[in-house]
Amino acid sequence: MAERVTGRRLNARWGVRALHALYHQDGTWYHVLKRFPGALFDAHGYILFEDRPALLSSAGMTIGEDKNWINFPLGISGLAGYVKVL
């Protein structure tokens, strides 16, 4: 049985050192990061945010009405600072 992919596991495997790490395969939908530095992961890489203002100022992001989720319709891979992991 394959190991389930999670932000926590990728954070450790790739040595990102984020305090809060979230994963979405397509890189489009996440809960809001609560601890920083925080990282959002997709199947091919990640983006690290040093603080909440850096996250909230991301281009192309939508915050859910209940403010518990964020959406990047084009994915996180197009954001400045995205790190592709091969």
N, C-alpha and C. Protein backbone atom coordinates (compact mmCIF):
# COMPACT_ATOMS: atom_id res chain seq x y z
N MET A 1 0.85 -1.19 0.00
CA MET A 1 0.00 0.00 0.00
C MET A 1 0.89 1.24 0.00
N ALA A 2 0.60 2.19 -0.87
CA ALA A 2 1.38 3.42 -1.00
C ALA A 2 1.13 4.33 0.20
N GLU A 3 2.18 5.03 0.59
CA GLU A 3 2.08 5.99 1.68
C GLU A 3 1.26 7.19 1.22
N ARG A 4 0.36 7.66 2.07
CA ARG A 4 -0.47 8.82 1.74
C ARG A 4 0.40 10.07 1.71
N VAL A 5 0.22 10.88 0.67
CA VAL A 5 0.98 12.12 0.54
C VAL A 5 0.32 13.18 1.41
N THR A 6 1.12 13.84 2.25
CA THR A 6 0.63 14.94 3.08
C THR A 6 1.67 16.06 3.07
N GLY A 7 1.23 17.24 3.44
CA GLY A 7 2.15 18.35 3.57
C GLY A 7 3.22 18.09 4.61
N ARG A 8 2.84 17.47 5.69
CA ARG A 8 3.79 17.16 6.77
C ARG A 8 4.91 16.24 6.26
N ARG A 9 4.53 15.23 5.50
CA ARG A 9 5.53 14.29 4.98
C ARG A 9 6.44 14.95 3.94
N LEU A 10 5.87 15.73 3.04
CA LEU A 10 6.70 16.41 2.04
C LEU A 10 7.61 17.45 2.70
N ASN A 11 7.10 18.13 3.70
CA ASN A 11 7.89 19.11 4.45
C ASN A 11 9.16 18.45 5.01
N ALA A 12 8.99 17.29 5.61
CA ALA A 12 10.14 16.56 6.17
C ALA A 12 11.03 15.98 5.07
N ARG A 13 10.44 15.36 4.06
CA ARG A 13 11.21 14.72 2.98
C ARG A 13 12.04 15.73 2.20
N TRP A 14 11.47 16.91 1.94
CA TRP A 14 12.16 17.91 1.13
C TRP A 14 12.93 18.93 1.97
N GLY A 15 12.90 18.79 3.30
CA GLY A 15 13.68 19.65 4.18
C GLY A 15 13.25 21.11 4.17
N VAL A 16 11.96 21.37 4.05
CA VAL A 16 11.46 22.74 3.94
C VAL A 16 11.48 23.47 5.28
N ARG A 17 11.21 22.78 6.36
CA ARG A 17 11.23 23.34 7.72
C ARG A 17 10.11 24.33 8.01
N ALA A 18 8.97 24.13 7.39
CA ALA A 18 7.80 24.95 7.67
C ALA A 18 7.17 24.50 8.99
N LEU A 19 6.56 25.43 9.71
CA LEU A 19 5.85 25.09 10.94
C LEU A 19 4.45 24.57 10.65
N HIS A 20 3.90 24.92 9.50
CA HIS A 20 2.59 24.43 9.07
C HIS A 20 2.72 24.09 7.59
N ALA A 21 2.38 22.88 7.22
CA ALA A 21 2.57 22.41 5.85
C ALA A 21 1.29 21.74 5.36
N LEU A 22 0.79 22.20 4.23
CA LEU A 22 -0.45 21.66 3.66
C LEU A 22 -0.21 21.21 2.23
N TYR A 23 -0.92 20.16 1.83
CA TYR A 23 -0.75 19.57 0.51
C TYR A 23 -2.07 19.51 -0.25
N HIS A 24 -2.01 19.81 -1.54
CA HIS A 24 -3.10 19.55 -2.47
C HIS A 24 -2.46 19.15 -3.79
N GLN A 25 -2.86 18.03 -4.32
CA GLN A 25 -2.22 17.47 -5.51
C GLN A 25 -2.13 18.47 -6.66
N ASP A 26 -3.21 19.20 -6.92
CA ASP A 26 -3.23 20.16 -8.02
C ASP A 26 -2.72 21.55 -7.64
N GLY A 27 -2.54 21.79 -6.35
CA GLY A 27 -2.05 23.08 -5.89
C GLY A 27 -3.04 24.21 -6.01
N THR A 28 -4.32 23.88 -5.92
CA THR A 28 -5.34 24.91 -6.10
C THR A 28 -6.14 25.24 -4.84
N TRP A 29 -6.32 24.32 -3.93
CA TRP A 29 -7.21 24.54 -2.78
C TRP A 29 -6.54 24.09 -1.49
N TYR A 30 -6.59 24.96 -0.48
CA TYR A 30 -5.96 24.66 0.81
C TYR A 30 -6.78 25.29 1.93
N HIS A 31 -6.62 24.77 3.13
CA HIS A 31 -7.07 25.50 4.30
C HIS A 31 -6.06 26.64 4.49
N VAL A 32 -6.42 27.63 5.27
CA VAL A 32 -5.53 28.77 5.50
C VAL A 32 -4.42 28.35 6.46
N LEU A 33 -3.19 28.71 6.13
CA LEU A 33 -2.06 28.43 7.03
C LEU A 33 -2.24 29.19 8.33
N LYS A 34 -1.93 28.55 9.44
CA LYS A 34 -2.10 29.18 10.75
C LYS A 34 -0.77 29.46 11.46
N ARG A 35 0.28 28.74 11.10
CA ARG A 35 1.60 28.94 11.73
C ARG A 35 2.62 29.24 10.64
N PHE A 36 3.56 30.08 10.98
CA PHE A 36 4.55 30.51 9.98
C PHE A 36 5.96 30.38 10.53
N PRO A 37 6.94 30.12 9.65
CA PRO A 37 6.75 30.00 8.22
C PRO A 37 5.88 28.81 7.88
N GLY A 38 5.06 28.99 6.84
CA GLY A 38 4.15 27.95 6.40
C GLY A 38 4.36 27.66 4.93
N ALA A 39 4.07 26.44 4.53
CA ALA A 39 4.29 26.04 3.14
C ALA A 39 3.07 25.35 2.56
N LEU A 40 2.82 25.65 1.29
CA LEU A 40 1.79 24.96 0.52
C LEU A 40 2.51 24.09 -0.49
N PHE A 41 2.12 22.83 -0.55
CA PHE A 41 2.75 21.85 -1.42
C PHE A 41 1.78 21.38 -2.48
N ASP A 42 2.30 21.08 -3.67
CA ASP A 42 1.54 20.35 -4.67
C ASP A 42 2.37 19.14 -5.06
N ALA A 43 1.97 18.43 -6.08
CA ALA A 43 2.65 17.19 -6.44
C ALA A 43 4.07 17.40 -6.95
N HIS A 44 4.44 18.64 -7.30
CA HIS A 44 5.74 18.88 -7.91
C HIS A 44 6.63 19.88 -7.19
N GLY A 45 6.13 20.48 -6.12
CA GLY A 45 6.94 21.47 -5.42
C GLY A 45 6.17 22.16 -4.31
N TYR A 46 6.64 23.34 -3.95
CA TYR A 46 6.04 24.06 -2.82
C TYR A 46 6.35 25.54 -2.91
N ILE A 47 5.62 26.29 -2.09
CA ILE A 47 5.92 27.70 -1.88
C ILE A 47 5.90 27.95 -0.38
N LEU A 48 6.89 28.67 0.10
CA LEU A 48 7.05 28.96 1.52
C LEU A 48 6.66 30.41 1.78
N PHE A 49 5.84 30.62 2.80
CA PHE A 49 5.43 31.96 3.21
C PHE A 49 6.00 32.24 4.59
N GLU A 50 6.72 33.34 4.72
CA GLU A 50 7.34 33.69 6.01
C GLU A 50 6.32 34.14 7.05
N ASP A 51 5.23 34.78 6.57
CA ASP A 51 4.22 35.28 7.51
C ASP A 51 2.86 35.39 6.81
N ARG A 52 1.85 35.69 7.60
CA ARG A 52 0.48 35.77 7.08
C ARG A 52 0.32 36.86 6.01
N PRO A 53 0.88 38.07 6.21
CA PRO A 53 0.76 39.09 5.15
C PRO A 53 1.33 38.62 3.80
N ALA A 54 2.41 37.87 3.81
CA ALA A 54 2.98 37.36 2.56
C ALA A 54 2.00 36.41 1.88
N LEU A 55 1.34 35.58 2.66
CA LEU A 55 0.33 34.66 2.11
C LEU A 55 -0.83 35.43 1.52
N LEU A 56 -1.35 36.38 2.29
CA LEU A 56 -2.56 37.10 1.88
C LEU A 56 -2.32 38.04 0.71
N SER A 57 -1.08 38.38 0.44
CA SER A 57 -0.79 39.27 -0.69
C SER A 57 -0.46 38.49 -1.97
N SER A 58 -0.63 37.18 -1.95
CA SER A 58 -0.33 36.36 -3.12
C SER A 58 -1.27 36.69 -4.27
N ALA A 59 -0.70 36.81 -5.46
CA ALA A 59 -1.48 37.12 -6.65
C ALA A 59 -2.41 35.96 -7.00
N GLY A 60 -3.63 36.29 -7.40
CA GLY A 60 -4.55 35.29 -7.89
C GLY A 60 -5.21 34.43 -6.84
N MET A 61 -5.12 34.82 -5.58
CA MET A 61 -5.68 34.03 -4.50
C MET A 61 -7.08 34.52 -4.14
N THR A 62 -7.95 33.59 -3.80
CA THR A 62 -9.28 33.89 -3.29
C THR A 62 -9.39 33.28 -1.91
N ILE A 63 -9.97 34.03 -0.97
CA ILE A 63 -10.19 33.50 0.38
C ILE A 63 -11.67 33.18 0.52
N GLY A 64 -11.96 32.01 1.09
CA GLY A 64 -13.35 31.59 1.29
C GLY A 64 -14.09 32.50 2.23
N GLU A 65 -15.40 32.56 2.07
CA GLU A 65 -16.22 33.43 2.90
C GLU A 65 -16.07 33.14 4.38
N ASP A 66 -15.90 31.88 4.72
CA ASP A 66 -15.71 31.55 6.14
C ASP A 66 -14.25 31.71 6.55
N LYS A 67 -13.40 32.12 5.60
CA LYS A 67 -11.98 32.39 5.82
C LYS A 67 -11.22 31.19 6.36
N ASN A 68 -11.69 30.01 6.03
CA ASN A 68 -11.02 28.79 6.44
C ASN A 68 -10.30 28.13 5.27
N TRP A 69 -10.49 28.66 4.06
CA TRP A 69 -9.84 28.08 2.90
C TRP A 69 -9.38 29.17 1.95
N ILE A 70 -8.39 28.80 1.15
CA ILE A 70 -7.89 29.69 0.11
C ILE A 70 -7.83 28.90 -1.19
N ASN A 71 -7.98 29.62 -2.28
CA ASN A 71 -7.99 28.98 -3.59
C ASN A 71 -7.05 29.74 -4.52
N PHE A 72 -6.24 28.97 -5.23
CA PHE A 72 -5.37 29.49 -6.29
C PHE A 72 -5.84 28.83 -7.58
N PRO A 73 -6.78 29.45 -8.31
CA PRO A 73 -7.37 28.80 -9.47
C PRO A 73 -6.35 28.30 -10.50
N LEU A 74 -5.23 28.98 -10.63
CA LEU A 74 -4.21 28.57 -11.58
C LEU A 74 -3.12 27.71 -10.93
N GLY A 75 -3.28 27.43 -9.65
CA GLY A 75 -2.30 26.62 -8.92
C GLY A 75 -1.16 27.45 -8.35
N ILE A 76 -0.45 26.88 -7.39
CA ILE A 76 0.66 27.59 -6.75
C ILE A 76 1.92 27.58 -7.59
N SER A 77 1.99 26.73 -8.59
CA SER A 77 3.23 26.60 -9.37
C SER A 77 3.57 27.85 -10.17
N GLY A 78 2.62 28.72 -10.41
CA GLY A 78 2.88 29.96 -11.14
C GLY A 78 3.26 31.12 -10.26
N LEU A 79 3.27 30.93 -8.95
CA LEU A 79 3.60 32.02 -8.04
C LEU A 79 5.10 32.26 -7.94
N ALA A 80 5.46 33.52 -7.77
CA ALA A 80 6.86 33.86 -7.53
C ALA A 80 7.28 33.19 -6.23
N GLY A 81 8.41 32.54 -6.23
CA GLY A 81 8.89 31.86 -5.04
C GLY A 81 8.59 30.36 -5.02
N TYR A 82 7.85 29.87 -6.01
CA TYR A 82 7.53 28.45 -6.08
C TYR A 82 8.83 27.67 -6.35
N VAL A 83 9.02 26.60 -5.60
CA VAL A 83 10.21 25.76 -5.75
C VAL A 83 9.77 24.43 -6.34
N LYS A 84 10.27 24.14 -7.52
CA LYS A 84 9.97 22.85 -8.16
C LYS A 84 10.94 21.81 -7.63
N VAL A 85 10.41 20.68 -7.21
CA VAL A 85 11.23 19.58 -6.68
C VAL A 85 11.13 18.43 -7.66
N LEU A 86 12.26 17.98 -8.14
CA LEU A 86 12.28 16.90 -9.13
C LEU A 86 12.38 15.55 -8.46
